[in-house]
Amino acid sequence: MAAQVRLCKKCSGIKAKDLKGAVGKEDVRCGCFGACRKKRPELKGRVYVRVRGGIVSAGSKKKLRRSVAEALAE
């Protein structure tokens, strides 16, 4: 089964350990997913990840953890 959450340690502003509790370790993959802040200026100052092919962003790591859990529950 493919990972449900993908993050870029360089651009996302978050690390895999920051999602602990919301996502299982086996469901997180790290690497570029083509949404760097240069290409997506609306993400400046936000933390974000790709969940099931869509971008989920929030103003803080705590809010992102909650948003990712909700997105995975759908």
N, C-alpha and C. Protein backbone atom coordinates (compact mmCIF):
# COMPACT_ATOMS: atom_id res chain seq x y z
N MET A 1 0.84 -1.18 0.00
CA MET A 1 0.00 0.00 0.00
C MET A 1 0.88 1.24 0.00
N ALA A 2 0.54 2.21 -0.81
CA ALA A 2 1.32 3.44 -0.92
C ALA A 2 1.10 4.33 0.30
N ALA A 3 2.08 5.17 0.58
CA ALA A 3 1.97 6.10 1.69
C ALA A 3 0.83 7.07 1.43
N GLN A 4 0.13 7.43 2.47
CA GLN A 4 -0.99 8.35 2.34
C GLN A 4 -0.57 9.80 2.54
N VAL A 5 0.56 10.00 3.23
CA VAL A 5 1.03 11.36 3.52
C VAL A 5 2.45 11.49 3.00
N ARG A 6 2.72 12.58 2.29
CA ARG A 6 4.07 12.84 1.79
C ARG A 6 4.46 14.24 2.22
N LEU A 7 5.69 14.36 2.69
CA LEU A 7 6.18 15.67 3.09
C LEU A 7 7.60 15.89 2.61
N CYS A 8 7.94 17.13 2.44
CA CYS A 8 9.30 17.51 2.05
C CYS A 8 9.92 18.21 3.25
N LYS A 9 10.95 17.62 3.81
CA LYS A 9 11.58 18.19 5.00
C LYS A 9 12.10 19.61 4.75
N LYS A 10 12.50 19.89 3.52
CA LYS A 10 13.06 21.19 3.19
C LYS A 10 11.98 22.26 3.05
N CYS A 11 10.91 21.95 2.35
CA CYS A 11 9.90 22.96 2.02
C CYS A 11 8.67 22.96 2.91
N SER A 12 8.29 21.80 3.41
CA SER A 12 7.02 21.69 4.14
C SER A 12 7.00 22.40 5.49
N GLY A 13 8.16 22.59 6.08
CA GLY A 13 8.23 23.22 7.39
C GLY A 13 7.84 22.28 8.52
N ILE A 14 7.85 20.99 8.25
CA ILE A 14 7.45 19.99 9.22
C ILE A 14 8.29 18.73 9.02
N LYS A 15 8.43 17.95 10.06
CA LYS A 15 9.15 16.67 9.97
C LYS A 15 8.16 15.55 10.27
N ALA A 16 8.52 14.35 9.89
CA ALA A 16 7.64 13.20 10.09
C ALA A 16 7.26 13.02 11.56
N LYS A 17 8.19 13.28 12.46
CA LYS A 17 7.91 13.10 13.89
C LYS A 17 6.85 14.09 14.38
N ASP A 18 6.67 15.21 13.68
CA ASP A 18 5.65 16.19 14.08
C ASP A 18 4.23 15.69 13.83
N LEU A 19 4.09 14.66 13.01
CA LEU A 19 2.77 14.09 12.71
C LEU A 19 2.45 12.88 13.58
N LYS A 20 3.34 12.58 14.52
CA LYS A 20 3.16 11.42 15.39
C LYS A 20 1.82 11.53 16.12
N GLY A 21 1.08 10.45 16.08
CA GLY A 21 -0.23 10.43 16.71
C GLY A 21 -1.37 10.63 15.73
N ALA A 22 -1.11 11.37 14.66
CA ALA A 22 -2.14 11.60 13.64
C ALA A 22 -2.01 10.60 12.50
N VAL A 23 -0.78 10.17 12.25
CA VAL A 23 -0.50 9.28 11.12
C VAL A 23 0.50 8.22 11.57
N GLY A 24 0.29 7.00 11.14
CA GLY A 24 1.24 5.94 11.46
C GLY A 24 2.54 6.15 10.70
N LYS A 25 3.63 5.74 11.29
CA LYS A 25 4.96 5.91 10.69
C LYS A 25 5.04 5.30 9.30
N GLU A 26 4.36 4.17 9.09
CA GLU A 26 4.39 3.49 7.79
C GLU A 26 3.61 4.25 6.71
N ASP A 27 2.78 5.22 7.10
CA ASP A 27 1.98 5.97 6.13
C ASP A 27 2.61 7.30 5.72
N VAL A 28 3.81 7.59 6.22
CA VAL A 28 4.48 8.86 5.90
C VAL A 28 5.71 8.59 5.05
N ARG A 29 5.85 9.32 3.95
CA ARG A 29 7.04 9.25 3.11
C ARG A 29 7.60 10.67 2.97
N CYS A 30 8.90 10.75 2.94
CA CYS A 30 9.57 12.04 2.80
C CYS A 30 10.16 12.17 1.41
N GLY A 31 10.07 13.37 0.86
CA GLY A 31 10.63 13.66 -0.45
C GLY A 31 9.85 14.77 -1.12
N CYS A 32 10.40 15.30 -2.14
CA CYS A 32 9.76 16.41 -2.87
C CYS A 32 8.46 15.94 -3.52
N PHE A 33 7.45 16.79 -3.43
CA PHE A 33 6.19 16.49 -4.11
C PHE A 33 5.73 17.67 -4.96
N GLY A 34 6.66 18.57 -5.29
CA GLY A 34 6.42 19.63 -6.27
C GLY A 34 5.58 20.79 -5.79
N ALA A 35 5.57 21.08 -4.51
CA ALA A 35 4.80 22.21 -3.99
C ALA A 35 5.68 23.13 -3.18
N CYS A 36 6.84 23.48 -3.72
CA CYS A 36 7.74 24.35 -2.97
C CYS A 36 7.17 25.77 -2.92
N ARG A 37 7.65 26.52 -1.96
CA ARG A 37 7.11 27.87 -1.75
C ARG A 37 7.40 28.80 -2.93
N LYS A 38 8.42 28.49 -3.71
CA LYS A 38 8.70 29.31 -4.89
C LYS A 38 7.59 29.17 -5.92
N LYS A 39 7.08 27.93 -6.06
CA LYS A 39 6.02 27.66 -7.03
C LYS A 39 4.64 27.99 -6.47
N ARG A 40 4.48 27.94 -5.15
CA ARG A 40 3.18 28.14 -4.50
C ARG A 40 3.32 29.22 -3.43
N PRO A 41 3.36 30.50 -3.80
CA PRO A 41 3.57 31.57 -2.82
C PRO A 41 2.48 31.65 -1.75
N GLU A 42 1.28 31.10 -2.01
CA GLU A 42 0.23 31.13 -1.00
C GLU A 42 0.55 30.26 0.21
N LEU A 43 1.56 29.40 0.10
CA LEU A 43 1.96 28.53 1.21
C LEU A 43 3.03 29.17 2.11
N LYS A 44 3.47 30.36 1.78
CA LYS A 44 4.49 31.03 2.58
C LYS A 44 3.98 31.26 4.00
N GLY A 45 4.79 30.86 4.97
CA GLY A 45 4.44 31.02 6.37
C GLY A 45 3.52 29.94 6.90
N ARG A 46 3.28 28.90 6.12
CA ARG A 46 2.41 27.80 6.52
C ARG A 46 3.19 26.49 6.51
N VAL A 47 2.69 25.50 7.20
CA VAL A 47 3.25 24.15 7.14
C VAL A 47 2.26 23.32 6.33
N TYR A 48 2.77 22.39 5.54
CA TYR A 48 1.88 21.65 4.65
C TYR A 48 2.44 20.30 4.28
N VAL A 49 1.55 19.42 3.87
CA VAL A 49 1.90 18.08 3.40
C VAL A 49 0.93 17.72 2.28
N ARG A 50 1.26 16.65 1.58
CA ARG A 50 0.34 16.13 0.58
C ARG A 50 -0.34 14.90 1.18
N VAL A 51 -1.66 14.91 1.16
CA VAL A 51 -2.45 13.80 1.70
C VAL A 51 -3.32 13.26 0.57
N ARG A 52 -3.08 12.02 0.20
CA ARG A 52 -3.86 11.35 -0.85
C ARG A 52 -3.96 12.20 -2.12
N GLY A 53 -2.86 12.84 -2.47
CA GLY A 53 -2.78 13.60 -3.71
C GLY A 53 -3.15 15.06 -3.61
N GLY A 54 -3.72 15.52 -2.50
CA GLY A 54 -4.07 16.93 -2.32
C GLY A 54 -3.21 17.57 -1.24
N ILE A 55 -3.09 18.88 -1.30
CA ILE A 55 -2.29 19.63 -0.33
C ILE A 55 -3.16 19.98 0.88
N VAL A 56 -2.65 19.70 2.06
CA VAL A 56 -3.29 20.11 3.31
C VAL A 56 -2.32 21.04 4.01
N SER A 57 -2.78 22.26 4.32
CA SER A 57 -1.88 23.23 4.97
C SER A 57 -2.56 23.83 6.19
N ALA A 58 -1.74 24.39 7.07
CA ALA A 58 -2.23 25.03 8.29
C ALA A 58 -1.20 26.05 8.76
N GLY A 59 -1.61 26.87 9.70
CA GLY A 59 -0.73 27.90 10.23
C GLY A 59 0.25 27.42 11.27
N SER A 60 0.00 26.21 11.83
CA SER A 60 0.91 25.67 12.85
C SER A 60 0.98 24.16 12.70
N LYS A 61 2.00 23.57 13.33
CA LYS A 61 2.17 22.12 13.28
C LYS A 61 1.01 21.41 13.98
N LYS A 62 0.55 21.97 15.08
CA LYS A 62 -0.54 21.36 15.83
C LYS A 62 -1.83 21.35 14.99
N LYS A 63 -2.11 22.46 14.33
CA LYS A 63 -3.31 22.53 13.49
C LYS A 63 -3.18 21.62 12.27
N LEU A 64 -1.97 21.51 11.74
CA LEU A 64 -1.76 20.62 10.59
C LEU A 64 -1.98 19.18 11.01
N ARG A 65 -1.50 18.79 12.17
CA ARG A 65 -1.70 17.42 12.66
C ARG A 65 -3.19 17.10 12.72
N ARG A 66 -3.99 18.05 13.22
CA ARG A 66 -5.43 17.86 13.31
C ARG A 66 -6.06 17.78 11.93
N SER A 67 -5.64 18.63 11.00
CA SER A 67 -6.18 18.65 9.64
C SER A 67 -5.85 17.37 8.88
N VAL A 68 -4.64 16.85 9.08
CA VAL A 68 -4.23 15.60 8.42
C VAL A 68 -5.07 14.44 8.94
N ALA A 69 -5.29 14.40 10.25
CA ALA A 69 -6.11 13.33 10.84
C ALA A 69 -7.52 13.37 10.27
N GLU A 70 -8.08 14.58 10.13
CA GLU A 70 -9.42 14.73 9.56
C GLU A 70 -9.45 14.30 8.09
N ALA A 71 -8.44 14.68 7.34
CA ALA A 71 -8.38 14.32 5.92
C ALA A 71 -8.27 12.81 5.73
N LEU A 72 -7.56 12.13 6.61
CA LEU A 72 -7.42 10.70 6.51
C LEU A 72 -8.67 9.97 6.97
N ALA A 73 -9.48 10.60 7.81
CA ALA A 73 -10.71 9.99 8.31
C ALA A 73 -11.80 9.99 7.24
N GLU A 74 -11.69 10.85 6.26
CA GLU A 74 -12.72 10.95 5.21
C GLU A 74 -12.72 9.74 4.32
